Amino acid sequence: MKKRSTTVRSALSGRQVLIAQAGLVGGLLLALFVKEFPGVVRELRIYRMTGGLRAHRRYP
């Protein structure tokens, strides 16, 4: 009787690779959000000072 050769499995399964990729993408998005947050806050403050939706035709 001939023994079957065992296949060598990779160190990471497909699910683990997907989880690692999701973590990496999530970390990058979080870093981008943290970097851009002060600019977004500044733009919102300017928008509120110019009247927002109520300004209508005051500002081009």
PDB file of N, CA and C in Angstrom:
ATOM      1  N   MET A   1       0.839  -1.177   0.000  1.00  0.00           N
ATOM      2  CA  MET A   1       0.000   0.000   0.000  1.00  0.00           C
ATOM      3  C   MET A   1       0.885   1.242   0.000  1.00  0.00           C
ATOM      4  N   LYS A   2       0.532   2.173  -0.849  1.00  0.00           N
ATOM      5  CA  LYS A   2       1.337   3.380  -0.995  1.00  0.00           C
ATOM      6  C   LYS A   2       0.738   4.508  -0.149  1.00  0.00           C
ATOM      7  N   LYS A   3       1.598   5.157   0.618  1.00  0.00           N
ATOM      8  CA  LYS A   3       1.120   6.288   1.433  1.00  0.00           C
ATOM      9  C   LYS A   3       0.926   7.516   0.561  1.00  0.00           C
ATOM     10  N   ARG A   4      -0.110   8.251   0.858  1.00  0.00           N
ATOM     11  CA  ARG A   4      -0.304   9.523   0.155  1.00  0.00           C
ATOM     12  C   ARG A   4       0.631  10.561   0.752  1.00  0.00           C
ATOM     13  N   SER A   5       1.195  11.357  -0.109  1.00  0.00           N
ATOM     14  CA  SER A   5       2.067  12.406   0.418  1.00  0.00           C
ATOM     15  C   SER A   5       1.185  13.538   0.950  1.00  0.00           C
ATOM     16  N   THR A   6       1.523  14.001   2.094  1.00  0.00           N
ATOM     17  CA  THR A   6       0.732  15.081   2.692  1.00  0.00           C
ATOM     18  C   THR A   6       1.088  16.397   2.023  1.00  0.00           C
ATOM     19  N   THR A   7       0.074  17.171   1.744  1.00  0.00           N
ATOM     20  CA  THR A   7       0.324  18.470   1.123  1.00  0.00           C
ATOM     21  C   THR A   7       0.757  19.456   2.196  1.00  0.00           C
ATOM     22  N   VAL A   8       1.658  20.290   1.836  1.00  0.00           N
ATOM     23  CA  VAL A   8       2.142  21.297   2.769  1.00  0.00           C
ATOM     24  C   VAL A   8       1.203  22.490   2.711  1.00  0.00           C
ATOM     25  N   ARG A   9       0.615  22.802   3.828  1.00  0.00           N
ATOM     26  CA  ARG A   9      -0.316  23.928   3.876  1.00  0.00           C
ATOM     27  C   ARG A   9       0.451  25.210   4.121  1.00  0.00           C
ATOM     28  N   SER A  10      -0.087  26.273   3.573  1.00  0.00           N
ATOM     29  CA  SER A  10       0.591  27.548   3.785  1.00  0.00           C
ATOM     30  C   SER A  10       0.393  27.992   5.233  1.00  0.00           C
ATOM     31  N   ALA A  11       1.203  28.920   5.652  1.00  0.00           N
ATOM     32  CA  ALA A  11       1.148  29.374   7.041  1.00  0.00           C
ATOM     33  C   ALA A  11      -0.159  30.107   7.335  1.00  0.00           C
ATOM     34  N   LEU A  12      -0.716  30.793   6.339  1.00  0.00           N
ATOM     35  CA  LEU A  12      -1.951  31.534   6.540  1.00  0.00           C
ATOM     36  C   LEU A  12      -3.049  30.955   5.658  1.00  0.00           C
ATOM     37  N   SER A  13      -4.232  30.852   6.213  1.00  0.00           N
ATOM     38  CA  SER A  13      -5.362  30.407   5.404  1.00  0.00           C
ATOM     39  C   SER A  13      -5.924  31.603   4.635  1.00  0.00           C
ATOM     40  N   GLY A  14      -6.798  31.334   3.706  1.00  0.00           N
ATOM     41  CA  GLY A  14      -7.400  32.414   2.915  1.00  0.00           C
ATOM     42  C   GLY A  14      -8.171  33.393   3.780  1.00  0.00           C
ATOM     43  N   ARG A  15      -8.875  32.859   4.778  1.00  0.00           N
ATOM     44  CA  ARG A  15      -9.654  33.732   5.671  1.00  0.00           C
ATOM     45  C   ARG A  15      -8.738  34.655   6.464  1.00  0.00           C
ATOM     46  N   GLN A  16      -7.615  34.127   6.921  1.00  0.00           N
ATOM     47  CA  GLN A  16      -6.677  34.962   7.684  1.00  0.00           C
ATOM     48  C   GLN A  16      -6.084  36.056   6.809  1.00  0.00           C
ATOM     49  N   VAL A  17      -5.823  35.751   5.549  1.00  0.00           N
ATOM     50  CA  VAL A  17      -5.293  36.767   4.634  1.00  0.00           C
ATOM     51  C   VAL A  17      -6.330  37.864   4.418  1.00  0.00           C
ATOM     52  N   LEU A  18      -7.600  37.469   4.232  1.00  0.00           N
ATOM     53  CA  LEU A  18      -8.655  38.467   4.048  1.00  0.00           C
ATOM     54  C   LEU A  18      -8.824  39.346   5.279  1.00  0.00           C
ATOM     55  N   ILE A  19      -8.740  38.754   6.448  1.00  0.00           N
ATOM     56  CA  ILE A  19      -8.854  39.530   7.684  1.00  0.00           C
ATOM     57  C   ILE A  19      -7.688  40.511   7.806  1.00  0.00           C
ATOM     58  N   ALA A  20      -6.484  40.053   7.452  1.00  0.00           N
ATOM     59  CA  ALA A  20      -5.308  40.933   7.505  1.00  0.00           C
ATOM     60  C   ALA A  20      -5.445  42.080   6.509  1.00  0.00           C
ATOM     61  N   GLN A  21      -5.947  41.781   5.310  1.00  0.00           N
ATOM     62  CA  GLN A  21      -6.141  42.835   4.310  1.00  0.00           C
ATOM     63  C   GLN A  21      -7.197  43.827   4.764  1.00  0.00           C
ATOM     64  N   ALA A  22      -8.286  43.336   5.347  1.00  0.00           N
ATOM     65  CA  ALA A  22      -9.342  44.227   5.838  1.00  0.00           C
ATOM     66  C   ALA A  22      -8.803  45.122   6.957  1.00  0.00           C
ATOM     67  N   GLY A  23      -7.977  44.561   7.820  1.00  0.00           N
ATOM     68  CA  GLY A  23      -7.377  45.361   8.889  1.00  0.00           C
ATOM     69  C   GLY A  23      -6.453  46.434   8.339  1.00  0.00           C
ATOM     70  N   LEU A  24      -5.682  46.079   7.326  1.00  0.00           N
ATOM     71  CA  LEU A  24      -4.767  47.039   6.712  1.00  0.00           C
ATOM     72  C   LEU A  24      -5.534  48.178   6.042  1.00  0.00           C
ATOM     73  N   VAL A  25      -6.551  47.840   5.271  1.00  0.00           N
ATOM     74  CA  VAL A  25      -7.358  48.868   4.596  1.00  0.00           C
ATOM     75  C   VAL A  25      -8.088  49.731   5.625  1.00  0.00           C
ATOM     76  N   GLY A  26      -8.620  49.108   6.657  1.00  0.00           N
ATOM     77  CA  GLY A  26      -9.295  49.872   7.714  1.00  0.00           C
ATOM     78  C   GLY A  26      -8.341  50.827   8.418  1.00  0.00           C
ATOM     79  N   GLY A  27      -7.141  50.367   8.682  1.00  0.00           N
ATOM     80  CA  GLY A  27      -6.139  51.234   9.320  1.00  0.00           C
ATOM     81  C   GLY A  27      -5.761  52.411   8.440  1.00  0.00           C
ATOM     82  N   LEU A  28      -5.610  52.155   7.136  1.00  0.00           N
ATOM     83  CA  LEU A  28      -5.292  53.246   6.213  1.00  0.00           C
ATOM     84  C   LEU A  28      -6.422  54.267   6.135  1.00  0.00           C
ATOM     85  N   LEU A  29      -7.664  53.785   6.095  1.00  0.00           N
ATOM     86  CA  LEU A  29      -8.805  54.709   6.054  1.00  0.00           C
ATOM     87  C   LEU A  29      -8.897  55.523   7.340  1.00  0.00           C
ATOM     88  N   LEU A  30      -8.639  54.887   8.469  1.00  0.00           N
ATOM     89  CA  LEU A  30      -8.668  55.609   9.740  1.00  0.00           C
ATOM     90  C   LEU A  30      -7.572  56.671   9.785  1.00  0.00           C
ATOM     91  N   ALA A  31      -6.374  56.329   9.307  1.00  0.00           N
ATOM     92  CA  ALA A  31      -5.274  57.297   9.285  1.00  0.00           C
ATOM     93  C   ALA A  31      -5.605  58.480   8.377  1.00  0.00           C
ATOM     94  N   LEU A  32      -6.210  58.210   7.224  1.00  0.00           N
ATOM     95  CA  LEU A  32      -6.607  59.279   6.310  1.00  0.00           C
ATOM     96  C   LEU A  32      -7.668  60.174   6.944  1.00  0.00           C
ATOM     97  N   PHE A  33      -8.639  59.571   7.622  1.00  0.00           N
ATOM     98  CA  PHE A  33      -9.687  60.347   8.279  1.00  0.00           C
ATOM     99  C   PHE A  33      -9.109  61.239   9.372  1.00  0.00           C
ATOM    100  N   VAL A  34      -8.216  60.691  10.178  1.00  0.00           N
ATOM    101  CA  VAL A  34      -7.606  61.472  11.264  1.00  0.00           C
ATOM    102  C   VAL A  34      -6.782  62.615  10.686  1.00  0.00           C
ATOM    103  N   LYS A  35      -6.099  62.372   9.566  1.00  0.00           N
ATOM    104  CA  LYS A  35      -5.263  63.404   8.949  1.00  0.00           C
ATOM    105  C   LYS A  35      -6.117  64.535   8.373  1.00  0.00           C
ATOM    106  N   GLU A  36      -7.254  64.197   7.777  1.00  0.00           N
ATOM    107  CA  GLU A  36      -8.090  65.189   7.106  1.00  0.00           C
ATOM    108  C   GLU A  36      -9.135  65.826   8.019  1.00  0.00           C
ATOM    109  N   PHE A  37      -9.339  65.301   9.213  1.00  0.00           N
ATOM    110  CA  PHE A  37     -10.407  65.793  10.087  1.00  0.00           C
ATOM    111  C   PHE A  37     -10.297  67.281  10.413  1.00  0.00           C
ATOM    112  N   PRO A  38      -9.123  67.824  10.761  1.00  0.00           N
ATOM    113  CA  PRO A  38      -9.053  69.262  11.054  1.00  0.00           C
ATOM    114  C   PRO A  38      -9.490  70.133   9.870  1.00  0.00           C
ATOM    115  N   GLY A  39      -9.169  69.738   8.651  1.00  0.00           N
ATOM    116  CA  GLY A  39      -9.589  70.492   7.474  1.00  0.00           C
ATOM    117  C   GLY A  39     -11.093  70.465   7.284  1.00  0.00           C
ATOM    118  N   VAL A  40     -11.696  69.313   7.548  1.00  0.00           N
ATOM    119  CA  VAL A  40     -13.151  69.195   7.430  1.00  0.00           C
ATOM    120  C   VAL A  40     -13.833  70.079   8.469  1.00  0.00           C
ATOM    121  N   VAL A  41     -13.314  70.088   9.686  1.00  0.00           N
ATOM    122  CA  VAL A  41     -13.884  70.932  10.740  1.00  0.00           C
ATOM    123  C   VAL A  41     -13.769  72.403  10.351  1.00  0.00           C
ATOM    124  N   ARG A  42     -12.633  72.800   9.803  1.00  0.00           N
ATOM    125  CA  ARG A  42     -12.438  74.187   9.379  1.00  0.00           C
ATOM    126  C   ARG A  42     -13.427  74.562   8.283  1.00  0.00           C
ATOM    127  N   GLU A  43     -13.605  73.674   7.300  1.00  0.00           N
ATOM    128  CA  GLU A  43     -14.550  73.952   6.216  1.00  0.00           C
ATOM    129  C   GLU A  43     -15.982  74.070   6.738  1.00  0.00           C
ATOM    130  N   LEU A  44     -16.354  73.214   7.682  1.00  0.00           N
ATOM    131  CA  LEU A  44     -17.701  73.304   8.253  1.00  0.00           C
ATOM    132  C   LEU A  44     -17.895  74.613   9.015  1.00  0.00           C
ATOM    133  N   ARG A  45     -16.859  75.053   9.711  1.00  0.00           N
ATOM    134  CA  ARG A  45     -16.944  76.321  10.443  1.00  0.00           C
ATOM    135  C   ARG A  45     -17.123  77.488   9.466  1.00  0.00           C
ATOM    136  N   ILE A  46     -16.386  77.493   8.379  1.00  0.00           N
ATOM    137  CA  ILE A  46     -16.527  78.542   7.366  1.00  0.00           C
ATOM    138  C   ILE A  46     -17.918  78.502   6.766  1.00  0.00           C
ATOM    139  N   TYR A  47     -18.411  77.306   6.480  1.00  0.00           N
ATOM    140  CA  TYR A  47     -19.746  77.142   5.901  1.00  0.00           C
ATOM    141  C   TYR A  47     -20.816  77.710   6.829  1.00  0.00           C
ATOM    142  N   ARG A  48     -20.667  77.449   8.127  1.00  0.00           N
ATOM    143  CA  ARG A  48     -21.657  77.979   9.084  1.00  0.00           C
ATOM    144  C   ARG A  48     -21.549  79.493   9.197  1.00  0.00           C
ATOM    145  N   MET A  49     -20.316  80.039   9.142  1.00  0.00           N
ATOM    146  CA  MET A  49     -20.155  81.495   9.266  1.00  0.00           C
ATOM    147  C   MET A  49     -20.737  82.233   8.067  1.00  0.00           C
ATOM    148  N   THR A  50     -20.731  81.601   6.891  1.00  0.00           N
ATOM    149  CA  THR A  50     -21.271  82.265   5.700  1.00  0.00           C
ATOM    150  C   THR A  50     -22.774  82.087   5.584  1.00  0.00           C
ATOM    151  N   GLY A  51     -23.396  81.419   6.513  1.00  0.00           N
ATOM    152  CA  GLY A  51     -24.846  81.308   6.519  1.00  0.00           C
ATOM    153  C   GLY A  51     -25.376  79.944   6.150  1.00  0.00           C
ATOM    154  N   GLY A  52     -24.557  79.080   5.633  1.00  0.00           N
ATOM    155  CA  GLY A  52     -25.005  77.732   5.305  1.00  0.00           C
ATOM    156  C   GLY A  52     -26.087  77.737   4.241  1.00  0.00           C
ATOM    157  N   LEU A  53     -27.111  76.951   4.443  1.00  0.00           N
ATOM    158  CA  LEU A  53     -28.198  76.857   3.477  1.00  0.00           C
ATOM    159  C   LEU A  53     -29.051  78.126   3.444  1.00  0.00           C
ATOM    160  N   ARG A  54     -29.042  78.891   4.527  1.00  0.00           N
ATOM    161  CA  ARG A  54     -29.883  80.094   4.599  1.00  0.00           C
ATOM    162  C   ARG A  54     -29.311  81.261   3.804  1.00  0.00           C
ATOM    163  N   ALA A  55     -28.058  81.184   3.370  1.00  0.00           N
ATOM    164  CA  ALA A  55     -27.403  82.305   2.705  1.00  0.00           C
ATOM    165  C   ALA A  55     -28.014  82.585   1.334  1.00  0.00           C
ATOM    166  N   HIS A  56     -28.516  81.607   0.672  1.00  0.00           N
ATOM    167  CA  HIS A  56     -29.103  81.713  -0.675  1.00  0.00           C
ATOM    168  C   HIS A  56     -28.170  82.432  -1.636  1.00  0.00           C
ATOM    169  N   ARG A  57     -28.467  83.667  -2.009  1.00  0.00           N
ATOM    170  CA  ARG A  57     -27.677  84.337  -3.048  1.00  0.00           C
ATOM    171  C   ARG A  57     -26.680  85.351  -2.485  1.00  0.00           C
ATOM    172  N   ARG A  58     -26.492  85.398  -1.184  1.00  0.00           N
ATOM    173  CA  ARG A  58     -25.546  86.352  -0.609  1.00  0.00           C
ATOM    174  C   ARG A  58     -24.118  86.090  -1.056  1.00  0.00           C
ATOM    175  N   TYR A  59     -23.766  84.829  -1.170  1.00  0.00           N
ATOM    176  CA  TYR A  59     -22.397  84.461  -1.514  1.00  0.00           C
ATOM    177  C   TYR A  59     -22.417  83.635  -2.789  1.00  0.00           C
ATOM    178  N   PRO A  60     -21.540  83.939  -3.742  1.00  0.00           N
ATOM    179  CA  PRO A  60     -21.530  83.171  -4.997  1.00  0.00           C
ATOM    180  C   PRO A  60     -21.009  81.763  -4.810  1.00  0.00           C
TER     181      PRO A  60
END
